[in-house]
Amino acid sequence: MTTMAMATRALVSATTSATRATVATVTTIATTNSKLPRKGHTHDYG
């Protein structure tokens, strides 16, 4: 029971950390993109 609780807690902690990292990355990318000059296209891949 204790081992299961510890494993669950570790999993939740890892998932939370990964989610926060993803949100931070997406936020950073969105902020960077909003500061870039527009070239007439919303998506400009090269």
PDB file of N, CA and C in Angstrom:
ATOM      1  N   MET A   1       0.844  -1.198   0.000  1.00  0.00           N
ATOM      2  CA  MET A   1       0.000   0.000   0.000  1.00  0.00           C
ATOM      3  C   MET A   1       0.881   1.251   0.000  1.00  0.00           C
ATOM      4  N   THR A   2       1.872   1.251   0.884  1.00  0.00           N
ATOM      5  CA  THR A   2       2.764   2.404   0.959  1.00  0.00           C
ATOM      6  C   THR A   2       3.573   2.540  -0.325  1.00  0.00           C
ATOM      7  N   THR A   3       4.030   1.386  -0.849  1.00  0.00           N
ATOM      8  CA  THR A   3       4.813   1.413  -2.082  1.00  0.00           C
ATOM      9  C   THR A   3       3.965   1.940  -3.232  1.00  0.00           C
ATOM     10  N   MET A   4       2.711   1.513  -3.276  1.00  0.00           N
ATOM     11  CA  MET A   4       1.805   1.955  -4.328  1.00  0.00           C
ATOM     12  C   MET A   4       1.581   3.462  -4.224  1.00  0.00           C
ATOM     13  N   ALA A   5       1.419   3.940  -3.003  1.00  0.00           N
ATOM     14  CA  ALA A   5       1.197   5.368  -2.796  1.00  0.00           C
ATOM     15  C   ALA A   5       2.423   6.166  -3.227  1.00  0.00           C
ATOM     16  N   MET A   6       3.604   5.653  -2.897  1.00  0.00           N
ATOM     17  CA  MET A   6       4.844   6.331  -3.278  1.00  0.00           C
ATOM     18  C   MET A   6       5.004   6.351  -4.794  1.00  0.00           C
ATOM     19  N   ALA A   7       4.688   5.230  -5.436  1.00  0.00           N
ATOM     20  CA  ALA A   7       4.800   5.148  -6.887  1.00  0.00           C
ATOM     21  C   ALA A   7       3.822   6.116  -7.547  1.00  0.00           C
ATOM     22  N   THR A   8       2.612   6.171  -7.006  1.00  0.00           N
ATOM     23  CA  THR A   8       1.602   7.074  -7.560  1.00  0.00           C
ATOM     24  C   THR A   8       2.039   8.521  -7.401  1.00  0.00           C
ATOM     25  N   ARG A   9       2.566   8.839  -6.224  1.00  0.00           N
ATOM     26  CA  ARG A   9       3.019  10.201  -5.956  1.00  0.00           C
ATOM     27  C   ARG A   9       4.162  10.586  -6.893  1.00  0.00           C
ATOM     28  N   ALA A  10       5.075   9.645  -7.129  1.00  0.00           N
ATOM     29  CA  ALA A  10       6.203   9.903  -8.021  1.00  0.00           C
ATOM     30  C   ALA A  10       5.711  10.133  -9.449  1.00  0.00           C
ATOM     31  N   LEU A  11       4.734   9.327  -9.859  1.00  0.00           N
ATOM     32  CA  LEU A  11       4.191   9.456 -11.207  1.00  0.00           C
ATOM     33  C   LEU A  11       3.505  10.807 -11.383  1.00  0.00           C
ATOM     34  N   VAL A  12       2.699  11.187 -10.392  1.00  0.00           N
ATOM     35  CA  VAL A  12       2.002  12.470 -10.452  1.00  0.00           C
ATOM     36  C   VAL A  12       3.008  13.616 -10.481  1.00  0.00           C
ATOM     37  N   SER A  13       4.056  13.498  -9.680  1.00  0.00           N
ATOM     38  CA  SER A  13       5.083  14.540  -9.634  1.00  0.00           C
ATOM     39  C   SER A  13       5.768  14.675 -10.988  1.00  0.00           C
ATOM     40  N   ALA A  14       6.115  13.550 -11.594  1.00  0.00           N
ATOM     41  CA  ALA A  14       6.786  13.565 -12.892  1.00  0.00           C
ATOM     42  C   ALA A  14       5.868  14.143 -13.967  1.00  0.00           C
ATOM     43  N   THR A  15       4.596  13.745 -13.923  1.00  0.00           N
ATOM     44  CA  THR A  15       3.631  14.241 -14.902  1.00  0.00           C
ATOM     45  C   THR A  15       3.440  15.741 -14.758  1.00  0.00           C
ATOM     46  N   THR A  16       3.347  16.198 -13.513  1.00  0.00           N
ATOM     47  CA  THR A  16       3.171  17.628 -13.256  1.00  0.00           C
ATOM     48  C   THR A  16       4.368  18.412 -13.762  1.00  0.00           C
ATOM     49  N   SER A  17       5.565  17.895 -13.506  1.00  0.00           N
ATOM     50  CA  SER A  17       6.787  18.565 -13.956  1.00  0.00           C
ATOM     51  C   SER A  17       6.824  18.641 -15.480  1.00  0.00           C
ATOM     52  N   ALA A  18       6.464  17.551 -16.136  1.00  0.00           N
ATOM     53  CA  ALA A  18       6.470  17.514 -17.595  1.00  0.00           C
ATOM     54  C   ALA A  18       5.443  18.495 -18.156  1.00  0.00           C
ATOM     55  N   THR A  19       4.272  18.546 -17.510  1.00  0.00           N
ATOM     56  CA  THR A  19       3.223  19.457 -17.966  1.00  0.00           C
ATOM     57  C   THR A  19       3.666  20.901 -17.825  1.00  0.00           C
ATOM     58  N   ARG A  20       4.280  21.218 -16.687  1.00  0.00           N
ATOM     59  CA  ARG A  20       4.757  22.587 -16.471  1.00  0.00           C
ATOM     60  C   ARG A  20       5.822  22.960 -17.487  1.00  0.00           C
ATOM     61  N   ALA A  21       6.712  22.017 -17.802  1.00  0.00           N
ATOM     62  CA  ALA A  21       7.770  22.273 -18.774  1.00  0.00           C
ATOM     63  C   ALA A  21       7.166  22.532 -20.153  1.00  0.00           C
ATOM     64  N   THR A  22       6.158  21.740 -20.506  1.00  0.00           N
ATOM     65  CA  THR A  22       5.501  21.900 -21.800  1.00  0.00           C
ATOM     66  C   THR A  22       4.810  23.252 -21.889  1.00  0.00           C
ATOM     67  N   VAL A  23       4.085  23.613 -20.828  1.00  0.00           N
ATOM     68  CA  VAL A  23       3.383  24.896 -20.808  1.00  0.00           C
ATOM     69  C   VAL A  23       4.378  26.047 -20.921  1.00  0.00           C
ATOM     70  N   ALA A  24       5.492  25.941 -20.209  1.00  0.00           N
ATOM     71  CA  ALA A  24       6.511  26.990 -20.257  1.00  0.00           C
ATOM     72  C   ALA A  24       7.085  27.119 -21.663  1.00  0.00           C
ATOM     73  N   THR A  25       7.335  25.979 -22.312  1.00  0.00           N
ATOM     74  CA  THR A  25       7.888  25.989 -23.666  1.00  0.00           C
ATOM     75  C   THR A  25       6.904  26.611 -24.650  1.00  0.00           C
ATOM     76  N   VAL A  26       5.647  26.190 -24.569  1.00  0.00           N
ATOM     77  CA  VAL A  26       4.624  26.720 -25.475  1.00  0.00           C
ATOM     78  C   VAL A  26       4.449  28.219 -25.266  1.00  0.00           C
ATOM     79  N   THR A  27       4.456  28.637 -24.006  1.00  0.00           N
ATOM     80  CA  THR A  27       4.311  30.063 -23.700  1.00  0.00           C
ATOM     81  C   THR A  27       5.473  30.855 -24.276  1.00  0.00           C
ATOM     82  N   THR A  28       6.677  30.321 -24.124  1.00  0.00           N
ATOM     83  CA  THR A  28       7.870  30.994 -24.647  1.00  0.00           C
ATOM     84  C   THR A  28       7.806  31.111 -26.164  1.00  0.00           C
ATOM     85  N   ILE A  29       7.416  30.025 -26.826  1.00  0.00           N
ATOM     86  CA  ILE A  29       7.318  30.029 -28.286  1.00  0.00           C
ATOM     87  C   ILE A  29       6.257  31.029 -28.742  1.00  0.00           C
ATOM     88  N   ALA A  30       5.116  31.029 -28.070  1.00  0.00           N
ATOM     89  CA  ALA A  30       4.037  31.943 -28.434  1.00  0.00           C
ATOM     90  C   ALA A  30       4.474  33.390 -28.255  1.00  0.00           C
ATOM     91  N   THR A  31       5.175  33.659 -27.173  1.00  0.00           N
ATOM     92  CA  THR A  31       5.660  35.017 -26.907  1.00  0.00           C
ATOM     93  C   THR A  31       6.663  35.436 -27.975  1.00  0.00           C
ATOM     94  N   THR A  32       7.566  34.525 -28.319  1.00  0.00           N
ATOM     95  CA  THR A  32       8.574  34.820 -29.337  1.00  0.00           C
ATOM     96  C   THR A  32       7.915  35.067 -30.686  1.00  0.00           C
ATOM     97  N   ASN A  33       6.953  34.228 -31.044  1.00  0.00           N
ATOM     98  CA  ASN A  33       6.273  34.372 -32.330  1.00  0.00           C
ATOM     99  C   ASN A  33       5.507  35.684 -32.409  1.00  0.00           C
ATOM    100  N   SER A  34       4.913  36.106 -31.302  1.00  0.00           N
ATOM    101  CA  SER A  34       4.133  37.342 -31.312  1.00  0.00           C
ATOM    102  C   SER A  34       5.028  38.563 -31.490  1.00  0.00           C
ATOM    103  N   LYS A  35       6.318  38.414 -31.164  1.00  0.00           N
ATOM    104  CA  LYS A  35       7.258  39.528 -31.297  1.00  0.00           C
ATOM    105  C   LYS A  35       7.921  39.565 -32.674  1.00  0.00           C
ATOM    106  N   LEU A  36       7.818  38.461 -33.415  1.00  0.00           N
ATOM    107  CA  LEU A  36       8.438  38.415 -34.734  1.00  0.00           C
ATOM    108  C   LEU A  36       7.634  39.251 -35.721  1.00  0.00           C
ATOM    109  N   PRO A  37       8.311  39.914 -36.657  1.00  0.00           N
ATOM    110  CA  PRO A  37       7.598  40.702 -37.673  1.00  0.00           C
ATOM    111  C   PRO A  37       6.827  39.784 -38.619  1.00  0.00           C
ATOM    112  N   ARG A  38       5.655  40.211 -38.995  1.00  0.00           N
ATOM    113  CA  ARG A  38       4.830  39.404 -39.891  1.00  0.00           C
ATOM    114  C   ARG A  38       5.294  39.572 -41.334  1.00  0.00           C
ATOM    115  N   LYS A  39       5.202  38.486 -42.084  1.00  0.00           N
ATOM    116  CA  LYS A  39       5.594  38.550 -43.489  1.00  0.00           C
ATOM    117  C   LYS A  39       4.370  38.380 -44.383  1.00  0.00           C
ATOM    118  N   GLY A  40       3.201  38.648 -43.835  1.00  0.00           N
ATOM    119  CA  GLY A  40       1.987  38.515 -44.617  1.00  0.00           C
ATOM    120  C   GLY A  40       1.352  37.143 -44.463  1.00  0.00           C
ATOM    121  N   HIS A  41       2.096  36.198 -43.877  1.00  0.00           N
ATOM    122  CA  HIS A  41       1.561  34.865 -43.667  1.00  0.00           C
ATOM    123  C   HIS A  41       1.588  34.551 -42.179  1.00  0.00           C
ATOM    124  N   THR A  42       0.524  33.883 -41.704  1.00  0.00           N
ATOM    125  CA  THR A  42       0.465  33.516 -40.293  1.00  0.00           C
ATOM    126  C   THR A  42       1.534  32.482 -39.993  1.00  0.00           C
ATOM    127  N   HIS A  43       1.695  31.536 -40.928  1.00  0.00           N
ATOM    128  CA  HIS A  43       2.706  30.504 -40.749  1.00  0.00           C
ATOM    129  C   HIS A  43       3.700  30.587 -41.899  1.00  0.00           C
ATOM    130  N   ASP A  44       4.938  30.884 -41.565  1.00  0.00           N
ATOM    131  CA  ASP A  44       5.959  31.012 -42.597  1.00  0.00           C
ATOM    132  C   ASP A  44       7.082  30.021 -42.305  1.00  0.00           C
ATOM    133  N   TYR A  45       7.083  28.906 -43.042  1.00  0.00           N
ATOM    134  CA  TYR A  45       8.086  27.872 -42.797  1.00  0.00           C
ATOM    135  C   TYR A  45       9.232  28.003 -43.788  1.00  0.00           C
ATOM    136  N   GLY A  46      10.068  29.001 -43.607  1.00  0.00           N
ATOM    137  CA  GLY A  46      11.220  29.183 -44.458  1.00  0.00           C
ATOM    138  C   GLY A  46      10.910  29.965 -45.712  1.00  0.00           C
TER     139      GLY A  46
END
